[in-house]
Amino acid sequence: MEIKAVIIDDEPLSRQELLHLLGMHPEISVIAEASSAEKGLEIVLKEEPDALFLDIEMTGMNGVELAEALQRMKKPPAIIFATAYPDYAVKAFRVEAVDYLLKPFDEIQLEQAVNRLKQRLAPPEVKVSSPGAGRLAVQSEDRIIYLKPEEILYVYREGRDTFVVSEKGTYPTKAALKDLEIKLKSFSFFRVHKGYLVNIKKVEELVSWSTNVFELKVRNRAESIPVSRNYVKELRETLEL
């Protein structure tokens, strides 16, 4: 289980120390750092990390204010506060923080926090043996339609909404893209972009417009689906003999 994390702290030495300690936990992948809550907010909205290691006392917006703002996201990141100030503990847990680390950091406390983080982010168990399981519920006007995974061409996110595209049409769903990625993984679905999941069995073309721009096409659809450069190698290995 890889956990994408961002460190937000206005003290460079604290960021460096925390980055070093997190290096002892290979399941934590620190994808970015920020020296202010404002910059951290930009990174979170762009990268959609799973977790934040967040300082509290910072110039401008403080860490608790950032955490409160992030609660408005459809799927906010899990938060571990990392601060020199014990007085904010009550406020921290009001925003459902996973843990509250005090500086200077302690390896044992950090390990406990990481374990709590893994428990918080563990995917829900998907039961496939019960009647009706294994189908995805989508909305069509006043009806709920149940799609089999093999009927789905791809899934995409637009703003805060998620849509499922099948050969019969495009439907909104209440499920988050991250949750669908977990549930559909065993049905040959592959993340090709931060906003797209594709049924590998439906892919017909992979087009390279330049060294940095890739698109693919699926069966019986005219539109192109963007492919992030980071996923191209693994996608080709999955598609090709």
Protein backbone atom coordinates (compact mmCIF):
# COMPACT_ATOMS: atom_id res chain seq x y z
CA MET A 1 0.00 0.00 0.00
CA GLU A 2 1.66 3.23 -1.17
CA ILE A 3 0.60 6.40 0.61
CA LYS A 4 1.27 9.66 -1.24
CA ALA A 5 2.11 12.34 1.30
CA VAL A 6 2.92 16.05 1.40
CA ILE A 7 4.90 17.80 4.15
CA ILE A 8 3.76 21.35 4.96
CA ASP A 9 5.98 23.25 7.40
CA ASP A 10 7.55 26.71 7.31
CA GLU A 11 10.73 25.44 9.01
CA PRO A 12 13.17 23.86 6.50
CA LEU A 13 14.99 21.87 9.19
CA SER A 14 11.73 20.36 10.43
CA ARG A 15 10.78 19.36 6.89
CA GLN A 16 14.21 17.82 6.40
CA GLU A 17 14.05 15.88 9.67
CA LEU A 18 10.55 14.57 8.97
CA LEU A 19 11.50 13.62 5.41
CA HIS A 20 14.48 11.66 6.77
CA LEU A 21 12.37 9.82 9.34
CA LEU A 22 9.65 9.02 6.82
CA GLY A 23 12.35 7.48 4.64
CA MET A 24 12.34 4.60 7.13
CA HIS A 25 8.75 3.87 6.09
CA PRO A 26 8.83 2.75 2.42
CA GLU A 27 5.04 2.75 2.23
CA ILE A 28 5.09 6.56 2.60
CA SER A 29 5.99 8.37 -0.62
CA VAL A 30 6.58 12.09 -0.03
CA ILE A 31 5.61 13.65 -3.36
CA ALA A 32 5.99 17.33 -2.40
CA GLU A 33 6.89 19.82 0.31
CA ALA A 34 5.51 23.29 1.04
CA SER A 35 6.71 26.11 3.27
CA SER A 36 3.27 27.66 3.80
CA ALA A 37 -0.35 26.58 4.13
CA GLU A 38 -1.27 28.58 1.04
CA LYS A 39 1.30 26.78 -1.10
CA GLY A 40 0.29 23.51 0.49
CA LEU A 41 -3.32 24.10 -0.51
CA GLU A 42 -2.27 24.56 -4.14
CA ILE A 43 -0.33 21.29 -4.05
CA VAL A 44 -3.19 19.37 -2.43
CA LEU A 45 -5.72 20.53 -5.02
CA LYS A 46 -3.35 19.64 -7.85
CA GLU A 47 -1.82 16.37 -6.63
CA GLU A 48 -4.60 14.99 -4.41
CA PRO A 49 -2.30 13.28 -1.90
CA ASP A 50 -3.50 10.64 0.51
CA ALA A 51 -2.01 12.31 3.57
CA LEU A 52 -0.51 15.53 4.94
CA PHE A 53 2.13 15.99 7.62
CA LEU A 54 1.09 19.46 8.66
CA ASP A 55 2.65 22.09 10.92
CA ILE A 56 0.25 24.38 12.79
CA GLU A 57 1.97 27.68 13.61
CA MET A 58 2.84 29.23 10.24
CA THR A 59 2.80 32.75 8.82
CA GLY A 60 -0.52 33.52 7.14
CA MET A 61 -3.00 30.65 7.20
CA ASN A 62 -2.17 28.19 9.98
CA GLY A 63 -2.36 24.42 9.79
CA VAL A 64 -5.71 24.06 11.55
CA GLU A 65 -7.29 26.61 9.20
CA LEU A 66 -5.91 24.68 6.22
CA ALA A 67 -7.28 21.42 7.61
CA GLU A 68 -10.71 23.02 8.07
CA ALA A 69 -10.64 24.30 4.47
CA LEU A 70 -9.72 20.85 3.16
CA GLN A 71 -12.72 19.28 4.91
CA ARG A 72 -14.84 20.77 2.12
CA MET A 73 -13.14 18.47 -0.41
CA LYS A 74 -15.07 15.43 -1.54
CA LYS A 75 -12.21 13.21 -0.35
CA PRO A 76 -9.85 15.24 1.85
CA PRO A 77 -6.39 13.88 2.68
CA ALA A 78 -5.75 12.31 6.06
CA ILE A 79 -3.87 14.69 8.34
CA ILE A 80 -1.11 14.15 10.87
CA PHE A 81 -0.23 17.36 12.67
CA ALA A 82 3.48 17.84 13.37
CA THR A 83 4.06 20.83 15.61
CA ALA A 84 6.00 22.23 18.55
CA TYR A 85 2.79 23.46 20.21
CA PRO A 86 0.71 21.05 22.34
CA ASP A 87 -2.08 23.60 22.87
CA TYR A 88 -3.80 22.84 19.56
CA ALA A 89 -4.57 19.18 20.25
CA VAL A 90 -8.30 19.70 20.80
CA LYS A 91 -8.69 21.74 17.61
CA ALA A 92 -6.63 19.17 15.72
CA PHE A 93 -8.96 16.33 16.55
CA ARG A 94 -12.01 18.42 15.71
CA VAL A 95 -10.84 18.20 12.10
CA GLU A 96 -10.46 14.40 12.49
CA ALA A 97 -6.67 14.38 12.46
CA VAL A 98 -5.12 10.92 12.44
CA ASP A 99 -2.48 11.89 14.98
CA TYR A 100 -0.67 14.78 16.65
CA LEU A 101 3.14 14.68 16.70
CA LEU A 102 5.18 17.02 18.86
CA LYS A 103 8.58 18.35 17.85
CA PRO A 104 11.30 17.23 18.20
CA PHE A 105 10.05 14.13 16.44
CA ASP A 106 10.24 10.74 18.13
CA GLU A 107 10.75 7.67 15.92
CA ILE A 108 8.42 5.49 17.97
CA GLN A 109 5.62 8.06 17.98
CA LEU A 110 6.06 8.56 14.25
CA GLU A 111 5.83 4.81 13.67
CA GLN A 112 2.61 4.71 15.68
CA ALA A 113 1.25 7.62 13.66
CA VAL A 114 2.11 5.89 10.38
CA ASN A 115 0.35 2.72 11.56
CA ARG A 116 -2.76 4.74 12.43
CA LEU A 117 -2.53 6.40 9.02
CA LYS A 118 -2.43 3.02 7.27
CA GLN A 119 -5.47 1.89 9.23
CA ARG A 120 -7.35 5.07 8.31
CA LEU A 121 -6.53 4.70 4.60
CA ALA A 122 -7.01 0.93 4.33
CA PRO A 123 -9.56 0.21 1.57
CA PRO A 124 -12.92 -1.18 2.63
CA GLU A 125 -13.36 -4.88 2.13
CA VAL A 126 -15.23 -5.57 -1.10
CA LYS A 127 -17.60 -8.52 -0.87
CA VAL A 128 -18.24 -10.24 -4.20
CA SER A 129 -20.05 -13.36 -3.05
CA SER A 130 -23.36 -11.82 -2.00
CA PRO A 131 -26.26 -11.62 -4.52
CA GLY A 132 -26.01 -8.59 -6.77
CA ALA A 133 -22.39 -7.83 -5.79
CA GLY A 134 -19.86 -7.05 -8.48
CA ARG A 135 -22.01 -4.43 -10.22
CA LEU A 136 -21.62 -0.68 -10.19
CA ALA A 137 -24.67 1.48 -9.44
CA VAL A 138 -25.07 4.53 -11.71
CA GLN A 139 -27.83 7.11 -12.03
CA SER A 140 -29.97 7.56 -15.15
CA GLU A 141 -32.67 10.21 -14.66
CA ASP A 142 -35.12 8.57 -12.23
CA ARG A 143 -33.57 5.10 -12.40
CA ILE A 144 -30.57 3.34 -10.91
CA ILE A 145 -28.74 1.16 -13.44
CA TYR A 146 -26.39 -1.64 -12.42
CA LEU A 147 -23.44 -2.10 -14.76
CA LYS A 148 -21.20 -5.14 -14.91
CA PRO A 149 -17.48 -4.21 -14.88
CA GLU A 150 -17.00 -5.70 -18.35
CA GLU A 151 -19.65 -3.30 -19.72
CA ILE A 152 -17.65 -0.25 -18.62
CA LEU A 153 -15.26 1.42 -21.07
CA TYR A 154 -13.74 3.99 -18.73
CA VAL A 155 -14.41 6.16 -15.70
CA TYR A 156 -13.48 9.81 -15.35
CA ARG A 157 -13.70 12.67 -12.91
CA GLU A 158 -14.88 16.15 -13.86
CA GLY A 159 -14.56 18.64 -11.02
CA ARG A 160 -16.06 16.92 -7.99
CA ASP A 161 -18.23 14.56 -10.02
CA THR A 162 -17.43 11.06 -11.28
CA PHE A 163 -18.85 9.59 -14.50
CA VAL A 164 -18.96 6.05 -15.86
CA VAL A 165 -18.85 5.55 -19.63
CA SER A 166 -20.25 2.35 -21.12
CA GLU A 167 -21.26 1.40 -24.65
CA LYS A 168 -24.83 2.32 -23.68
CA GLY A 169 -24.10 5.81 -22.40
CA THR A 170 -22.45 8.04 -19.79
CA TYR A 171 -23.76 8.02 -16.25
CA PRO A 172 -22.94 9.88 -13.01
CA THR A 173 -22.04 7.86 -9.94
CA LYS A 174 -21.70 8.79 -6.28
CA ALA A 175 -18.55 6.68 -5.93
CA ALA A 176 -15.20 8.48 -5.78
CA LEU A 177 -12.61 7.71 -8.45
CA LYS A 178 -10.09 6.52 -5.83
CA ASP A 179 -12.63 4.03 -4.45
CA LEU A 180 -13.52 2.78 -7.92
CA GLU A 181 -9.83 2.26 -8.70
CA ILE A 182 -9.62 -0.15 -5.77
CA LYS A 183 -12.88 -1.95 -6.54
CA LEU A 184 -12.27 -2.30 -10.30
CA LYS A 185 -8.57 -3.21 -10.19
CA SER A 186 -9.28 -6.95 -10.34
CA PHE A 187 -11.48 -6.38 -13.42
CA SER A 188 -8.59 -5.13 -15.62
CA PHE A 189 -9.03 -1.42 -14.94
CA PHE A 190 -5.94 0.77 -15.03
CA ARG A 191 -5.29 4.34 -13.88
CA VAL A 192 -3.94 6.20 -16.95
CA HIS A 193 -4.32 9.74 -15.61
CA LYS A 194 -5.21 11.35 -12.28
CA GLY A 195 -8.75 11.80 -13.62
CA TYR A 196 -9.23 8.58 -15.64
CA LEU A 197 -9.59 4.82 -15.14
CA VAL A 198 -9.71 2.68 -18.28
CA ASN A 199 -10.85 -0.87 -18.94
CA ILE A 200 -7.67 -2.33 -20.46
CA LYS A 201 -9.69 -4.88 -22.44
CA LYS A 202 -11.41 -2.03 -24.31
CA VAL A 203 -8.26 -0.15 -25.38
CA GLU A 204 -7.61 -0.11 -29.14
CA GLU A 205 -4.99 2.62 -29.69
CA LEU A 206 -2.24 4.43 -27.81
CA VAL A 207 -1.19 7.62 -29.60
CA SER A 208 1.97 9.63 -28.90
CA TRP A 209 1.72 13.25 -30.05
CA SER A 210 5.11 14.14 -28.56
CA THR A 211 7.50 12.85 -25.91
CA ASN A 212 5.20 14.27 -23.23
CA VAL A 213 1.69 13.96 -24.71
CA PHE A 214 -0.07 10.61 -24.95
CA GLU A 215 -3.69 9.65 -25.60
CA LEU A 216 -5.59 6.43 -26.02
CA LYS A 217 -8.83 5.36 -27.64
CA VAL A 218 -11.27 2.72 -26.54
CA ARG A 219 -13.62 0.57 -28.53
CA ASN A 220 -16.58 2.28 -30.24
CA ARG A 221 -15.75 5.77 -28.90
CA ALA A 222 -14.51 8.75 -30.91
CA GLU A 223 -13.06 10.73 -28.01
CA SER A 224 -9.44 10.47 -26.89
CA ILE A 225 -8.45 9.82 -23.29
CA PRO A 226 -5.35 11.58 -21.89
CA VAL A 227 -2.54 9.40 -20.57
CA SER A 228 -0.06 10.80 -18.06
CA ARG A 229 3.57 10.27 -19.01
CA ASN A 230 4.18 8.57 -15.65
CA TYR A 231 1.77 5.76 -16.52
CA VAL A 232 2.82 5.07 -20.12
CA LYS A 233 5.50 2.45 -19.43
CA GLU A 234 3.35 0.41 -17.06
CA LEU A 235 0.35 0.76 -19.39
CA ARG A 236 2.32 -0.63 -22.33
CA GLU A 237 3.65 -3.49 -20.23
CA THR A 238 0.07 -4.31 -19.24
CA LEU A 239 -1.33 -4.06 -22.77
CA GLU A 240 1.38 -5.79 -24.78
CA LEU A 241 2.41 -9.43 -25.05
